[in-house]
Amino acid sequence: MQQQPYPLGRFQAELQALEPRFASALEACRLHLRRYLPGESIMRQGEQCEHLYLVKRGRVSLNSAVHSGRLFQLGEIECHHQIFGEMEFFGAAPVQWNVVAETELDASVICAHKLAQRLLAEPELVLFFAAALACDYLDTLDITTSRLLHPIAYNIAYELWRERQRTPMLGSRKRAHEAARFGTTERVYRRALKELIEQGIVGEGIDGPVIADLAKLRTYLSL
């Protein structure tokens, strides 16, 4: 979730007014600032976590693995005051996703116990988490539903459309990671991408696929 209020939502005005207090509360619960190098794990799947992490700038990736070694790559985020660990904070559950630094970055390590006490004293600040979690849930549900109901090529195109609108989740420069993010093999991913390129919908950019023709993209997606 983002520290700043999301641009849409029922409580936008209230959240904007409360934002200085929320930032102050997070700072008061900060234990220290830790630097992470590229490839270093910030959070590890399956571990218990008593901290939240606030990354103001930097790029991170999220992935989930199973015992067979198969990896599902959720994607990468270009952080702008991004908070990680909020789901584990409220659910008191083990970490669901590996969170890995893709660039050198600094993360504020926030004490979960101190933050819990602060929220009990100022319950109105819980509104930040409620609004952000609802927004992220709807966003994730939209992605999941699309990937279940549509072929790989459609989902590649749909994600490019979503990124153009507002979604902070980004693709990876590593083709194998992109394939894992769509739950398929690199070979199938390449074939789907080639199909979109041949139709003139998508092009190859420096950092991965880009929209080649917006009108064709909208027609393809029936938007």
C-alpha atoms as a PDB file:
ATOM      1  CA  MET A   1       0.000   0.000   0.000  1.00  0.00           C
ATOM      2  CA  GLN A   2       1.021   3.620  -0.436  1.00  0.00           C
ATOM      3  CA  GLN A   3       1.542   5.972   2.482  1.00  0.00           C
ATOM      4  CA  GLN A   4      -0.230   8.741   0.603  1.00  0.00           C
ATOM      5  CA  PRO A   5      -3.988   8.359   0.097  1.00  0.00           C
ATOM      6  CA  TYR A   6      -5.018   6.721  -3.161  1.00  0.00           C
ATOM      7  CA  PRO A   7      -6.437   9.182  -5.709  1.00  0.00           C
ATOM      8  CA  LEU A   8      -9.887   7.582  -5.637  1.00  0.00           C
ATOM      9  CA  GLY A   9     -12.122   6.546  -2.766  1.00  0.00           C
ATOM     10  CA  ARG A  10     -14.990   7.545  -0.535  1.00  0.00           C
ATOM     11  CA  PHE A  11     -12.812   9.055   2.216  1.00  0.00           C
ATOM     12  CA  GLN A  12     -10.358  10.989   0.041  1.00  0.00           C
ATOM     13  CA  ALA A  13     -10.923  14.370   1.725  1.00  0.00           C
ATOM     14  CA  GLU A  14     -10.648  12.932   5.244  1.00  0.00           C
ATOM     15  CA  LEU A  15      -7.487  11.036   4.379  1.00  0.00           C
ATOM     16  CA  GLN A  16      -5.846  14.109   2.890  1.00  0.00           C
ATOM     17  CA  ALA A  17      -6.526  16.015   6.107  1.00  0.00           C
ATOM     18  CA  LEU A  18      -5.169  13.180   8.274  1.00  0.00           C
ATOM     19  CA  GLU A  19      -2.067  12.503   6.174  1.00  0.00           C
ATOM     20  CA  PRO A  20       0.388  14.584   8.298  1.00  0.00           C
ATOM     21  CA  ARG A  21      -0.720  12.693  11.436  1.00  0.00           C
ATOM     22  CA  PHE A  22      -0.361   9.344   9.689  1.00  0.00           C
ATOM     23  CA  ALA A  23       3.159  10.193   8.504  1.00  0.00           C
ATOM     24  CA  SER A  24       4.042  11.345  12.015  1.00  0.00           C
ATOM     25  CA  ALA A  25       2.721   8.101  13.521  1.00  0.00           C
ATOM     26  CA  LEU A  26       4.812   5.981  11.156  1.00  0.00           C
ATOM     27  CA  GLU A  27       7.913   8.021  11.931  1.00  0.00           C
ATOM     28  CA  ALA A  28       7.311   7.695  15.688  1.00  0.00           C
ATOM     29  CA  CYS A  29       7.141   3.888  15.345  1.00  0.00           C
ATOM     30  CA  ARG A  30      10.270   3.637  13.198  1.00  0.00           C
ATOM     31  CA  LEU A  31      13.081   1.588  14.704  1.00  0.00           C
ATOM     32  CA  HIS A  32      15.817   2.359  12.202  1.00  0.00           C
ATOM     33  CA  LEU A  33      16.635   2.860   8.549  1.00  0.00           C
ATOM     34  CA  ARG A  34      18.125  -0.149   6.760  1.00  0.00           C
ATOM     35  CA  ARG A  35      19.837  -0.273   3.386  1.00  0.00           C
ATOM     36  CA  TYR A  36      19.140  -3.174   1.018  1.00  0.00           C
ATOM     37  CA  LEU A  37      21.263  -4.136  -1.956  1.00  0.00           C
ATOM     38  CA  PRO A  38      19.888  -5.510  -5.257  1.00  0.00           C
ATOM     39  CA  GLY A  39      18.749  -9.116  -4.816  1.00  0.00           C
ATOM     40  CA  GLU A  40      18.468  -8.857  -1.030  1.00  0.00           C
ATOM     41  CA  SER A  41      15.206  -9.988   0.587  1.00  0.00           C
ATOM     42  CA  ILE A  42      13.242  -7.430   2.571  1.00  0.00           C
ATOM     43  CA  MET A  43      10.540  -9.938   3.567  1.00  0.00           C
ATOM     44  CA  ARG A  44      10.670 -13.741   3.189  1.00  0.00           C
ATOM     45  CA  GLN A  45       7.705 -15.963   2.422  1.00  0.00           C
ATOM     46  CA  GLY A  46       6.610 -18.136   5.355  1.00  0.00           C
ATOM     47  CA  GLU A  47       8.433 -16.171   8.051  1.00  0.00           C
ATOM     48  CA  GLN A  48       6.726 -14.442  10.948  1.00  0.00           C
ATOM     49  CA  CYS A  49       7.170 -10.693  10.741  1.00  0.00           C
ATOM     50  CA  GLU A  50       6.942  -8.125  13.506  1.00  0.00           C
ATOM     51  CA  HIS A  51       7.798  -5.170  11.290  1.00  0.00           C
ATOM     52  CA  LEU A  52       6.437  -3.107   8.460  1.00  0.00           C
ATOM     53  CA  TYR A  53       8.714  -1.561   5.850  1.00  0.00           C
ATOM     54  CA  LEU A  54       8.369   1.875   4.290  1.00  0.00           C
ATOM     55  CA  VAL A  55      10.292   2.351   1.041  1.00  0.00           C
ATOM     56  CA  LYS A  56      10.283   5.939  -0.182  1.00  0.00           C
ATOM     57  CA  ARG A  57      12.288   5.354  -3.367  1.00  0.00           C
ATOM     58  CA  GLY A  58      13.519   2.260  -5.148  1.00  0.00           C
ATOM     59  CA  ARG A  59      12.311  -0.732  -7.109  1.00  0.00           C
ATOM     60  CA  VAL A  60      11.196  -4.005  -5.521  1.00  0.00           C
ATOM     61  CA  SER A  61       9.792  -7.278  -6.845  1.00  0.00           C
ATOM     62  CA  LEU A  62       7.278  -9.651  -5.291  1.00  0.00           C
ATOM     63  CA  ASN A  63       7.185 -13.390  -5.840  1.00  0.00           C
ATOM     64  CA  SER A  64       5.806 -16.576  -4.347  1.00  0.00           C
ATOM     65  CA  ALA A  65       7.418 -20.024  -4.562  1.00  0.00           C
ATOM     66  CA  VAL A  66       6.284 -23.615  -3.914  1.00  0.00           C
ATOM     67  CA  HIS A  67       8.308 -26.650  -2.796  1.00  0.00           C
ATOM     68  CA  SER A  68       8.685 -27.880  -6.384  1.00  0.00           C
ATOM     69  CA  GLY A  69      10.655 -24.729  -7.130  1.00  0.00           C
ATOM     70  CA  ARG A  70       7.999 -23.174  -9.354  1.00  0.00           C
ATOM     71  CA  LEU A  71       7.920 -19.410  -8.980  1.00  0.00           C
ATOM     72  CA  PHE A  72       5.056 -17.013  -9.504  1.00  0.00           C
ATOM     73  CA  GLN A  73       6.330 -13.499 -10.113  1.00  0.00           C
ATOM     74  CA  LEU A  74       3.698 -10.946  -9.130  1.00  0.00           C
ATOM     75  CA  GLY A  75       5.677  -8.083 -10.645  1.00  0.00           C
ATOM     76  CA  GLU A  76       7.817  -5.107  -9.703  1.00  0.00           C
ATOM     77  CA  ILE A  77       6.924  -1.822  -8.057  1.00  0.00           C
ATOM     78  CA  GLU A  78       8.610   1.539  -8.483  1.00  0.00           C
ATOM     79  CA  CYS A  79       8.144   2.695  -4.905  1.00  0.00           C
ATOM     80  CA  HIS A  80       6.805   6.100  -3.923  1.00  0.00           C
ATOM     81  CA  HIS A  81       6.441   5.846  -0.135  1.00  0.00           C
ATOM     82  CA  GLN A  82       5.282   2.223  -0.380  1.00  0.00           C
ATOM     83  CA  ILE A  83       4.453   0.237   2.778  1.00  0.00           C
ATOM     84  CA  PHE A  84       5.046  -3.530   2.898  1.00  0.00           C
ATOM     85  CA  GLY A  85       3.835  -5.927   5.588  1.00  0.00           C
ATOM     86  CA  GLU A  86       0.438  -4.350   6.221  1.00  0.00           C
ATOM     87  CA  MET A  87      -1.452  -7.588   5.498  1.00  0.00           C
ATOM     88  CA  GLU A  88       0.729  -9.546   7.913  1.00  0.00           C
ATOM     89  CA  PHE A  89       0.375  -6.731  10.432  1.00  0.00           C
ATOM     90  CA  PHE A  90      -3.408  -7.011  10.595  1.00  0.00           C
ATOM     91  CA  GLY A  91      -3.669 -10.743   9.936  1.00  0.00           C
ATOM     92  CA  ALA A  92      -0.804 -11.799  12.233  1.00  0.00           C
ATOM     93  CA  ALA A  93      -0.028 -14.401   9.558  1.00  0.00           C
ATOM     94  CA  PRO A  94       3.286 -15.523   8.041  1.00  0.00           C
ATOM     95  CA  VAL A  95       4.648 -13.473   5.150  1.00  0.00           C
ATOM     96  CA  GLN A  96       2.757 -14.358   1.940  1.00  0.00           C
ATOM     97  CA  TRP A  97       5.143 -12.943  -0.679  1.00  0.00           C
ATOM     98  CA  ASN A  98       8.887 -12.624  -0.942  1.00  0.00           C
ATOM     99  CA  VAL A  99       9.696  -8.920  -1.228  1.00  0.00           C
ATOM    100  CA  VAL A 100      13.079  -8.422  -2.907  1.00  0.00           C
ATOM    101  CA  ALA A 101      15.073  -5.251  -3.561  1.00  0.00           C
ATOM    102  CA  GLU A 102      15.755  -4.830  -7.286  1.00  0.00           C
ATOM    103  CA  THR A 103      17.750  -1.633  -6.807  1.00  0.00           C
ATOM    104  CA  GLU A 104      19.784  -0.340  -3.881  1.00  0.00           C
ATOM    105  CA  LEU A 105      17.290   1.259  -1.514  1.00  0.00           C
ATOM    106  CA  ASP A 106      16.631   2.360   2.056  1.00  0.00           C
ATOM    107  CA  ALA A 107      13.669   1.061   4.038  1.00  0.00           C
ATOM    108  CA  SER A 108      12.302   2.430   7.290  1.00  0.00           C
ATOM    109  CA  VAL A 109      11.758  -0.519   9.636  1.00  0.00           C
ATOM    110  CA  ILE A 110       8.553   0.095  11.600  1.00  0.00           C
ATOM    111  CA  CYS A 111       7.773  -1.740  14.845  1.00  0.00           C
ATOM    112  CA  ALA A 112       4.417  -3.548  14.531  1.00  0.00           C
ATOM    113  CA  HIS A 113       3.807  -3.469  18.297  1.00  0.00           C
ATOM    114  CA  LYS A 114       4.380   0.284  18.555  1.00  0.00           C
ATOM    115  CA  LEU A 115       2.176   0.921  15.526  1.00  0.00           C
ATOM    116  CA  ALA A 116      -0.615  -1.227  16.980  1.00  0.00           C
ATOM    117  CA  GLN A 117      -0.549   0.811  20.169  1.00  0.00           C
ATOM    118  CA  ARG A 118      -0.579   4.043  18.182  1.00  0.00           C
ATOM    119  CA  LEU A 119      -3.612   2.939  16.167  1.00  0.00           C
ATOM    120  CA  LEU A 120      -5.476   1.990  19.326  1.00  0.00           C
ATOM    121  CA  ALA A 121      -4.812   5.491  20.658  1.00  0.00           C
ATOM    122  CA  GLU A 122      -5.729   7.152  17.343  1.00  0.00           C
ATOM    123  CA  PRO A 123      -8.194   4.744  15.685  1.00  0.00           C
ATOM    124  CA  GLU A 124      -9.045   7.218  12.937  1.00  0.00           C
ATOM    125  CA  LEU A 125      -5.629   6.460  11.408  1.00  0.00           C
ATOM    126  CA  VAL A 126      -6.810   2.908  10.690  1.00  0.00           C
ATOM    127  CA  LEU A 127      -8.792   4.512   7.859  1.00  0.00           C
ATOM    128  CA  PHE A 128      -5.550   4.726   5.841  1.00  0.00           C
ATOM    129  CA  PHE A 129      -5.111   0.965   5.997  1.00  0.00           C
ATOM    130  CA  ALA A 130      -8.783   0.212   5.375  1.00  0.00           C
ATOM    131  CA  ALA A 131      -8.965   2.420   2.282  1.00  0.00           C
ATOM    132  CA  ALA A 132      -5.651   1.191   0.854  1.00  0.00           C
ATOM    133  CA  LEU A 133      -6.364  -2.487   1.495  1.00  0.00           C
ATOM    134  CA  ALA A 134      -9.790  -2.196  -0.132  1.00  0.00           C
ATOM    135  CA  CYS A 135      -8.275  -0.526  -3.184  1.00  0.00           C
ATOM    136  CA  ASP A 136      -5.465  -3.092  -3.450  1.00  0.00           C
ATOM    137  CA  TYR A 137      -7.923  -5.966  -2.963  1.00  0.00           C
ATOM    138  CA  LEU A 138     -10.167  -4.790  -5.789  1.00  0.00           C
ATOM    139  CA  ASP A 139      -7.112  -4.212  -7.982  1.00  0.00           C
ATOM    140  CA  THR A 140      -5.740  -7.700  -7.306  1.00  0.00           C
ATOM    141  CA  LEU A 141      -9.142  -9.323  -7.777  1.00  0.00           C
ATOM    142  CA  ASP A 142      -9.454  -7.614 -11.148  1.00  0.00           C
ATOM    143  CA  ILE A 143      -6.060  -8.969 -12.242  1.00  0.00           C
ATOM    144  CA  THR A 144      -6.757 -12.479 -10.939  1.00  0.00           C
ATOM    145  CA  THR A 145     -10.176 -12.684 -12.589  1.00  0.00           C
ATOM    146  CA  SER A 146      -8.765 -11.536 -15.916  1.00  0.00           C
ATOM    147  CA  ARG A 147      -5.949 -14.096 -15.806  1.00  0.00           C
ATOM    148  CA  LEU A 148      -8.415 -16.886 -15.061  1.00  0.00           C
ATOM    149  CA  LEU A 149     -10.852 -15.952 -17.829  1.00  0.00           C
ATOM    150  CA  HIS A 150      -8.621 -14.732 -20.661  1.00  0.00           C
ATOM    151  CA  PRO A 151      -5.627 -16.065 -22.639  1.00  0.00           C
ATOM    152  CA  ILE A 152      -2.042 -14.908 -22.027  1.00  0.00           C
ATOM    153  CA  ALA A 153      -1.999 -12.480 -24.980  1.00  0.00           C
ATOM    154  CA  TYR A 154      -5.119 -10.695 -23.720  1.00  0.00           C
ATOM    155  CA  ASN A 155      -3.656 -10.358 -20.232  1.00  0.00           C
ATOM    156  CA  ILE A 156      -0.384  -8.904 -21.534  1.00  0.00           C
ATOM    157  CA  ALA A 157      -2.369  -6.282 -23.438  1.00  0.00           C
ATOM    158  CA  TYR A 158      -4.737  -5.674 -20.529  1.00  0.00           C
ATOM    159  CA  GLU A 159      -1.879  -5.078 -18.126  1.00  0.00           C
ATOM    160  CA  LEU A 160      -0.354  -2.469 -20.442  1.00  0.00           C
ATOM    161  CA  TRP A 161      -3.705  -0.719 -20.446  1.00  0.00           C
ATOM    162  CA  ARG A 162      -3.906  -0.837 -16.638  1.00  0.00           C
ATOM    163  CA  GLU A 163      -0.398   0.558 -16.250  1.00  0.00           C
ATOM    164  CA  ARG A 164      -1.352   3.448 -18.524  1.00  0.00           C
ATOM    165  CA  GLN A 165      -4.283   4.240 -16.232  1.00  0.00           C
ATOM    166  CA  ARG A 166      -2.863   4.095 -12.716  1.00  0.00           C
ATOM    167  CA  THR A 167      -1.561   0.686 -11.577  1.00  0.00           C
ATOM    168  CA  PRO A 168       1.885   0.933  -9.906  1.00  0.00           C
ATOM    169  CA  MET A 169       2.808  -2.724 -10.547  1.00  0.00           C
ATOM    170  CA  LEU A 170       5.386  -2.947 -13.318  1.00  0.00           C
ATOM    171  CA  GLY A 171       6.830  -5.647 -15.497  1.00  0.00           C
ATOM    172  CA  SER A 172      10.325  -7.072 -15.270  1.00  0.00           C
ATOM    173  CA  ARG A 173      13.200  -6.681 -17.711  1.00  0.00           C
ATOM    174  CA  LYS A 174      13.825 -10.418 -17.325  1.00  0.00           C
ATOM    175  CA  ARG A 175      11.662 -12.376 -19.776  1.00  0.00           C
ATOM    176  CA  ALA A 176      11.606 -15.487 -17.553  1.00  0.00           C
ATOM    177  CA  HIS A 177      10.202 -13.394 -14.699  1.00  0.00           C
ATOM    178  CA  GLU A 178       7.528 -12.029 -16.992  1.00  0.00           C
ATOM    179  CA  ALA A 179       6.473 -15.542 -17.940  1.00  0.00           C
ATOM    180  CA  ALA A 180       6.310 -16.535 -14.269  1.00  0.00           C
ATOM    181  CA  ARG A 181       4.213 -13.466 -13.550  1.00  0.00           C
ATOM    182  CA  PHE A 182       1.569 -14.707 -15.992  1.00  0.00           C
ATOM    183  CA  GLY A 183       1.787 -18.236 -14.614  1.00  0.00           C
ATOM    184  CA  THR A 184       3.206 -19.740 -17.800  1.00  0.00           C
ATOM    185  CA  THR A 185       6.464 -20.789 -19.448  1.00  0.00           C
ATOM    186  CA  GLU A 186       8.871 -18.454 -21.227  1.00  0.00           C
ATOM    187  CA  ARG A 187       8.093 -20.171 -24.544  1.00  0.00           C
ATOM    188  CA  VAL A 188       4.329 -19.619 -24.239  1.00  0.00           C
ATOM    189  CA  TYR A 189       4.873 -16.027 -23.121  1.00  0.00           C
ATOM    190  CA  ARG A 190       7.091 -15.288 -26.138  1.00  0.00           C
ATOM    191  CA  ARG A 191       4.489 -16.736 -28.495  1.00  0.00           C
ATOM    192  CA  ALA A 192       1.696 -14.621 -26.978  1.00  0.00           C
ATOM    193  CA  LEU A 193       3.828 -11.474 -27.133  1.00  0.00           C
ATOM    194  CA  LYS A 194       4.742 -12.186 -30.754  1.00  0.00           C
ATOM    195  CA  GLU A 195       1.034 -12.437 -31.596  1.00  0.00           C
ATOM    196  CA  LEU A 196       0.413  -8.944 -30.197  1.00  0.00           C
ATOM    197  CA  ILE A 197       3.459  -7.477 -31.963  1.00  0.00           C
ATOM    198  CA  GLU A 198       2.423  -8.943 -35.308  1.00  0.00           C
ATOM    199  CA  GLN A 199      -1.014  -7.338 -34.933  1.00  0.00           C
ATOM    200  CA  GLY A 200       0.628  -3.960 -34.302  1.00  0.00           C
ATOM    201  CA  ILE A 201      -0.903  -3.682 -30.833  1.00  0.00           C
ATOM    202  CA  VAL A 202       2.297  -3.984 -28.796  1.00  0.00           C
ATOM    203  CA  GLY A 203       5.916  -3.052 -29.432  1.00  0.00           C
ATOM    204  CA  GLU A 204       9.238  -3.964 -27.824  1.00  0.00           C
ATOM    205  CA  GLY A 205      10.500  -1.211 -25.504  1.00  0.00           C
ATOM    206  CA  ILE A 206      13.762  -0.920 -23.562  1.00  0.00           C
ATOM    207  CA  ASP A 207      12.082  -2.098 -20.349  1.00  0.00           C
ATOM    208  CA  GLY A 208       9.695  -4.594 -21.943  1.00  0.00           C
ATOM    209  CA  PRO A 209       6.450  -4.490 -23.948  1.00  0.00           C
ATOM    210  CA  VAL A 210       4.903  -1.077 -24.705  1.00  0.00           C
ATOM    211  CA  ILE A 211       1.685   0.026 -26.359  1.00  0.00           C
ATOM    212  CA  ALA A 212       2.295   0.441 -30.100  1.00  0.00           C
ATOM    213  CA  ASP A 213      -1.203   1.568 -31.104  1.00  0.00           C
ATOM    214  CA  LEU A 214      -3.661   2.694 -28.418  1.00  0.00           C
ATOM    215  CA  ALA A 215      -6.700   2.493 -30.715  1.00  0.00           C
ATOM    216  CA  LYS A 216      -5.854  -1.094 -31.676  1.00  0.00           C
ATOM    217  CA  LEU A 217      -5.285  -1.950 -28.026  1.00  0.00           C
ATOM    218  CA  ARG A 218      -8.713  -0.641 -27.025  1.00  0.00           C
ATOM    219  CA  THR A 219     -10.363  -2.543 -29.872  1.00  0.00           C
ATOM    220  CA  TYR A 220      -8.529  -5.744 -28.967  1.00  0.00           C
ATOM    221  CA  LEU A 221      -9.640  -5.439 -25.332  1.00  0.00           C
ATOM    222  CA  SER A 222     -13.177  -4.375 -26.330  1.00  0.00           C
ATOM    223  CA  LEU A 223     -12.894  -1.189 -24.250  1.00  0.00           C
END
